[in-house]
Structure formats: structure tokens, C-alpha cells
Amino acid sequence: MVDAEHAWYFCLKHHAAEQGKTCRGADRMGPYPDKATAERALEIARQRTEQADEKDRAWADDED
């Protein structure tokens, strides 16, 4: 488990990885275990969304 106070976050306001809860929660993605992962936050979110969309399409196709 990542210690939330020392973990890394991606700040949507500053478009940067930041350590600790420096920006308000609505502007943060995370926590992430390290800076490199936090820097990839948008890519990770995009991949997860694509995977969820694919599952939704497969489910919808099964319903037809």
C-alpha cells in the first residue's frame, strides 16, 4: 500500500507529477508508487478506459 502523504500524484491543474497531497483532490490522479508511474497517469487512464469500453462493446454484442 502506498502512503498517501508521500505517494506520487498527477496534478491535472499543473500537468505534472507531484509528491504528496499538494493540490486539491479534484485536481489529482493517484496515488501512484513512484514519479515515473504518476507521469504516465493520463496514459494509464486512457488504457483503462479503452479496456472498459471494449468490455462494454463485447457485453452489448452478446445482448443482440
Protein backbone atom coordinates (compact mmCIF):
# COMPACT_ATOMS: atom_id res chain seq x y z
CA MET A 1 0.00 0.00 0.00
CA VAL A 2 1.23 3.46 -0.89
CA ASP A 3 1.49 6.02 1.93
CA ALA A 4 -0.88 8.72 0.62
CA GLU A 5 1.08 11.60 2.15
CA HIS A 6 4.33 10.57 0.43
CA ALA A 7 2.92 8.96 -2.70
CA TRP A 8 3.10 10.49 -6.13
CA TYR A 9 0.12 12.10 -7.85
CA PHE A 10 -0.50 13.62 -11.25
CA CYS A 11 -1.86 17.15 -10.96
CA LEU A 12 -4.37 17.95 -13.71
CA LYS A 13 -4.01 21.69 -13.00
CA HIS A 14 -0.21 21.79 -13.33
CA HIS A 15 0.11 18.81 -15.73
CA ALA A 16 2.94 17.44 -13.62
CA ALA A 17 3.80 14.64 -11.21
CA GLU A 18 3.89 15.88 -7.62
CA GLN A 19 4.80 14.13 -4.40
CA GLY A 20 2.29 14.34 -1.57
CA LYS A 21 -1.13 15.93 -1.44
CA THR A 22 -0.06 19.39 -2.56
CA CYS A 23 -3.06 20.15 -4.78
CA ARG A 24 -6.75 19.70 -4.06
CA GLY A 25 -8.22 16.24 -4.53
CA ALA A 26 -10.36 17.16 -7.53
CA ASP A 27 -7.17 18.13 -9.41
CA ARG A 28 -5.20 14.95 -8.56
CA MET A 29 -4.94 11.49 -10.06
CA GLY A 30 -3.40 8.81 -7.92
CA PRO A 31 -1.80 7.84 -5.66
CA TYR A 32 0.99 6.16 -7.60
CA PRO A 33 4.01 4.34 -6.16
CA ASP A 34 6.63 6.45 -7.94
CA LYS A 35 7.16 9.56 -10.05
CA ALA A 36 7.53 7.66 -13.35
CA THR A 37 4.14 6.00 -12.90
CA ALA A 38 2.50 9.29 -11.91
CA GLU A 39 3.90 10.88 -15.08
CA ARG A 40 2.06 8.19 -17.08
CA ALA A 41 -1.27 8.81 -15.30
CA LEU A 42 -3.13 10.07 -18.37
CA GLU A 43 -1.84 7.19 -20.50
CA ILE A 44 -2.85 4.68 -17.82
CA ALA A 45 -6.33 6.21 -17.57
CA ARG A 46 -6.71 6.14 -21.37
CA GLN A 47 -5.74 2.45 -21.50
CA ARG A 48 -8.16 1.56 -18.70
CA THR A 49 -10.95 3.44 -20.44
CA GLU A 50 -10.27 1.64 -23.72
CA GLN A 51 -10.34 -1.73 -21.91
CA ALA A 52 -13.62 -0.88 -20.19
CA ASP A 53 -15.13 0.34 -23.47
CA GLU A 54 -14.11 -2.91 -25.16
CA LYS A 55 -15.77 -4.94 -22.38
CA ASP A 56 -18.92 -2.82 -22.77
CA ARG A 57 -18.95 -3.42 -26.54
CA ALA A 58 -18.49 -7.16 -26.06
CA TRP A 59 -21.32 -7.21 -23.50
CA ALA A 60 -23.61 -5.23 -25.82
CA ASP A 61 -22.80 -7.59 -28.71
CA ASP A 62 -23.77 -10.57 -26.52
CA GLU A 63 -27.13 -8.93 -25.81
CA ASP A 64 -28.05 -8.76 -29.52
